[in-house]
Amino acid sequence: MAPTNGYTDTRQGILDTAYGLVGAKGFSGVGLNEILATARVPKGSFYHYFGSKEAFGEALLAHYFEGYLVDLDTTLAEPGLNQAERLMTYWRKWQTSQGSGDDQGKCLAVKLAAEVSDLSEPMRLALKTGTAGIIERLSRAVEAGVAEGSLTLEDEPHATAETLYHLWLGASLMTKIVRTATPFEAAMTTTRRLLRLRKARQG
């Protein structure tokens, strides 16, 4: 099928277009017709790649986390920094992206977790797999930070990474409610405390 939207890959074009729509309105709030009109593809193209809207949602989440994990790997391997500094860079990027008004930068785990987890088992599992991948990478980074001496812990690395990820998910939700950066500021303070960062390494 020849794409009509400027993309060389129609499936990719549908996913990229839908990301901003779903990030702004949620999964249930975006109709198939809106996705197709914005992506400029016929309905037949959609069903050629996705058997249903639920299958599309599962693919959207898998695609989102694939890109997210690539970006996370890059951040956690940034040259010239120790692991504590790389971790703090990640949290600062989180605050910047989730505190902005750009729907393209919104975290789909934050946006969709409560909405789809009780409605779609495949989408819940895609969320579970994606967030587990994030926590595993954070765990390895925390463990490396302990080994090099740039941070210390009260708990073991995986539990700490899990706690921190949950903390930032909660802060993202609270920021939506209170419409201020206060939850992120509190999350940053708690993150530094849990990692026992030295003053010179706080960033």
Protein backbone atom coordinates (compact mmCIF):
# COMPACT_ATOMS: atom_id res chain seq x y z
CA MET A 1 0.00 0.00 0.00
CA ALA A 2 1.44 3.34 -1.03
CA PRO A 3 1.40 5.86 1.85
CA THR A 4 -0.25 9.22 1.22
CA ASN A 5 0.97 11.05 4.31
CA GLY A 6 4.60 11.66 3.50
CA TYR A 7 5.83 8.63 5.45
CA THR A 8 7.66 5.84 3.64
CA ASP A 9 6.19 3.41 6.21
CA THR A 10 2.43 3.71 6.62
CA ARG A 11 2.35 1.73 9.87
CA GLN A 12 5.02 3.99 11.35
CA GLY A 13 3.11 7.05 10.20
CA ILE A 14 -0.07 5.90 11.93
CA LEU A 15 1.77 5.21 15.18
CA ASP A 16 3.70 8.49 15.14
CA THR A 17 0.56 10.49 14.39
CA ALA A 18 -1.51 8.75 17.04
CA TYR A 19 1.08 9.29 19.76
CA GLY A 20 0.36 13.01 20.05
CA LEU A 21 -3.40 12.47 19.86
CA VAL A 22 -3.44 9.78 22.53
CA GLY A 23 -1.00 11.76 24.66
CA ALA A 24 -3.41 14.68 24.63
CA LYS A 25 -6.81 12.97 24.83
CA GLY A 26 -6.21 9.46 26.15
CA PHE A 27 -6.93 6.22 24.34
CA SER A 28 -10.72 6.22 24.63
CA GLY A 29 -10.90 9.92 23.79
CA VAL A 30 -9.41 9.44 20.33
CA GLY A 31 -11.61 7.87 17.68
CA LEU A 32 -10.32 5.79 14.81
CA ASN A 33 -11.61 8.33 12.28
CA GLU A 34 -9.58 11.10 13.94
CA ILE A 35 -6.43 8.98 13.81
CA LEU A 36 -6.98 8.15 10.16
CA ALA A 37 -7.79 11.73 9.18
CA THR A 38 -4.74 13.12 10.96
CA ALA A 39 -2.45 10.43 9.58
CA ARG A 40 -4.05 10.84 6.15
CA VAL A 41 -4.47 7.14 5.53
CA PRO A 42 -7.57 5.17 4.47
CA LYS A 43 -9.33 2.82 6.86
CA GLY A 44 -8.13 -0.15 4.87
CA SER A 45 -4.53 0.79 5.62
CA PHE A 46 -5.26 0.81 9.33
CA TYR A 47 -6.80 -2.66 9.33
CA HIS A 48 -4.00 -3.93 7.12
CA TYR A 49 -1.60 -3.32 10.02
CA PHE A 50 -3.86 -3.53 13.08
CA GLY A 51 -6.70 -5.99 13.53
CA SER A 52 -8.56 -3.74 15.96
CA LYS A 53 -8.21 -0.53 17.93
CA GLU A 54 -7.08 -2.61 20.92
CA ALA A 55 -4.36 -4.27 18.83
CA PHE A 56 -3.36 -0.81 17.66
CA GLY A 57 -3.15 0.38 21.28
CA GLU A 58 -0.93 -2.56 22.17
CA ALA A 59 1.34 -1.78 19.20
CA LEU A 60 1.40 1.92 20.11
CA LEU A 61 2.60 1.14 23.62
CA ALA A 62 5.22 -1.34 22.40
CA HIS A 63 6.49 1.24 19.90
CA TYR A 64 6.54 3.96 22.55
CA PHE A 65 8.53 1.91 25.05
CA GLU A 66 10.97 0.77 22.37
CA GLY A 67 11.92 4.38 21.69
CA TYR A 68 11.84 5.30 25.37
CA LEU A 69 14.31 2.54 26.28
CA VAL A 70 16.69 3.60 23.51
CA ASP A 71 16.66 7.16 24.88
CA LEU A 72 17.10 5.89 28.43
CA ASP A 73 20.08 3.73 27.44
CA THR A 74 21.67 6.79 25.83
CA THR A 75 21.12 8.92 28.94
CA LEU A 76 22.49 6.24 31.28
CA ALA A 77 25.64 5.89 29.16
CA GLU A 78 26.33 9.60 28.64
CA PRO A 79 30.11 10.06 28.54
CA GLY A 80 31.94 12.22 31.05
CA LEU A 81 29.46 11.62 33.89
CA ASN A 82 29.29 9.15 36.74
CA GLN A 83 26.19 7.02 37.28
CA ALA A 84 24.69 9.31 39.91
CA GLU A 85 24.94 12.25 37.51
CA ARG A 86 23.42 10.21 34.68
CA LEU A 87 20.51 9.20 36.87
CA MET A 88 19.89 12.79 37.91
CA THR A 89 20.01 13.80 34.25
CA TYR A 90 17.24 11.27 33.60
CA TRP A 91 15.03 12.68 36.34
CA ARG A 92 15.61 16.24 35.16
CA LYS A 93 14.64 15.23 31.63
CA TRP A 94 11.53 13.57 33.06
CA GLN A 95 10.52 16.76 34.86
CA THR A 96 11.11 18.87 31.75
CA SER A 97 9.17 16.59 29.39
CA GLN A 98 6.25 15.81 31.69
CA GLY A 99 5.97 19.38 32.92
CA SER A 100 5.76 20.82 29.42
CA GLY A 101 2.64 21.37 27.32
CA ASP A 102 3.98 19.26 24.45
CA ASP A 103 1.74 16.23 23.94
CA GLN A 104 4.46 14.54 21.86
CA GLY A 105 6.64 14.40 24.98
CA LYS A 106 4.06 12.94 27.33
CA CYS A 107 4.69 9.60 29.00
CA LEU A 108 2.11 7.07 27.84
CA ALA A 109 2.59 5.06 31.03
CA VAL A 110 1.39 8.09 32.99
CA LYS A 111 -1.38 8.90 30.53
CA LEU A 112 -2.84 5.44 29.96
CA ALA A 113 -2.10 3.24 32.99
CA ALA A 114 -5.29 3.97 34.92
CA GLU A 115 -7.40 4.22 31.77
CA VAL A 116 -6.59 0.99 29.94
CA SER A 117 -5.28 -1.44 32.56
CA ASP A 118 -8.79 -2.50 33.59
CA LEU A 119 -10.15 -2.45 30.03
CA SER A 120 -7.55 -4.26 27.94
CA GLU A 121 -5.35 -7.12 29.12
CA PRO A 122 -2.99 -6.90 26.10
CA MET A 123 -2.47 -3.18 26.71
CA ARG A 124 -1.95 -3.77 30.43
CA LEU A 125 0.71 -6.36 29.63
CA ALA A 126 2.39 -3.97 27.19
CA LEU A 127 2.51 -1.37 29.98
CA LYS A 128 3.84 -3.97 32.41
CA THR A 129 6.58 -5.09 30.03
CA GLY A 130 7.60 -1.55 29.14
CA THR A 131 7.77 -0.26 32.70
CA ALA A 132 9.64 -3.38 33.82
CA GLY A 133 12.26 -2.61 31.19
CA ILE A 134 12.66 0.91 32.53
CA ILE A 135 13.00 -0.27 36.13
CA GLU A 136 15.54 -2.92 35.14
CA ARG A 137 17.75 -0.33 33.44
CA LEU A 138 17.47 2.03 36.38
CA SER A 139 18.36 -0.85 38.69
CA ARG A 140 21.53 -1.60 36.74
CA ALA A 141 22.48 2.08 36.77
CA VAL A 142 21.93 2.31 40.52
CA GLU A 143 23.99 -0.84 41.07
CA ALA A 144 26.81 0.58 38.94
CA GLY A 145 26.65 3.82 40.93
CA VAL A 146 27.09 1.93 44.18
CA ALA A 147 30.03 -0.01 42.72
CA GLU A 148 31.82 3.16 41.60
CA GLY A 149 31.00 5.04 44.83
CA SER A 150 28.97 7.89 43.33
CA LEU A 151 25.92 6.93 45.42
CA THR A 152 24.99 4.74 48.39
CA LEU A 153 21.77 2.98 49.35
CA GLU A 154 19.76 1.83 52.32
CA ASP A 155 17.93 -0.78 50.20
CA GLU A 156 19.06 -3.06 47.38
CA PRO A 157 19.34 -1.59 43.83
CA HIS A 158 16.23 -3.10 42.23
CA ALA A 159 13.96 -2.12 45.11
CA THR A 160 15.41 1.40 45.06
CA ALA A 161 14.92 1.70 41.29
CA GLU A 162 11.35 0.48 41.60
CA THR A 163 10.62 2.94 44.40
CA LEU A 164 12.06 5.82 42.40
CA TYR A 165 10.11 4.98 39.26
CA HIS A 166 6.88 4.71 41.24
CA LEU A 167 7.71 8.01 42.96
CA TRP A 168 8.09 9.82 39.63
CA LEU A 169 4.95 8.28 38.15
CA GLY A 170 3.02 9.53 41.16
CA ALA A 171 4.63 12.97 40.92
CA SER A 172 3.58 13.18 37.26
CA LEU A 173 -0.03 12.46 38.17
CA MET A 174 -0.04 14.92 41.06
CA THR A 175 1.44 17.61 38.83
CA LYS A 176 -1.60 17.23 36.58
CA ILE A 177 -3.87 17.72 39.58
CA VAL A 178 -2.19 20.66 41.29
CA ARG A 179 -0.90 22.34 38.10
CA THR A 180 2.42 23.28 39.73
CA ALA A 181 5.93 21.80 39.76
CA THR A 182 5.78 21.15 43.52
CA PRO A 183 5.34 17.33 43.19
CA PHE A 184 8.40 17.13 40.92
CA GLU A 185 10.44 19.24 43.32
CA ALA A 186 9.47 16.90 46.16
CA ALA A 187 10.31 13.87 44.01
CA MET A 188 13.73 15.31 43.23
CA THR A 189 14.45 15.89 46.91
CA THR A 190 13.38 12.34 47.79
CA THR A 191 15.44 10.92 44.92
CA ARG A 192 18.58 12.61 46.18
CA ARG A 193 17.87 11.35 49.68
CA LEU A 194 17.29 7.74 48.60
CA LEU A 195 20.48 7.73 46.56
CA ARG A 196 22.40 9.53 49.33
CA LEU A 197 24.05 11.79 46.79
CA ARG A 198 27.03 13.83 47.77
CA LYS A 199 26.59 17.59 47.52
CA ALA A 200 28.97 17.81 44.56
CA ARG A 201 27.08 15.14 42.67
CA GLN A 202 23.53 16.48 42.93
CA GLY A 203 23.63 18.30 39.58
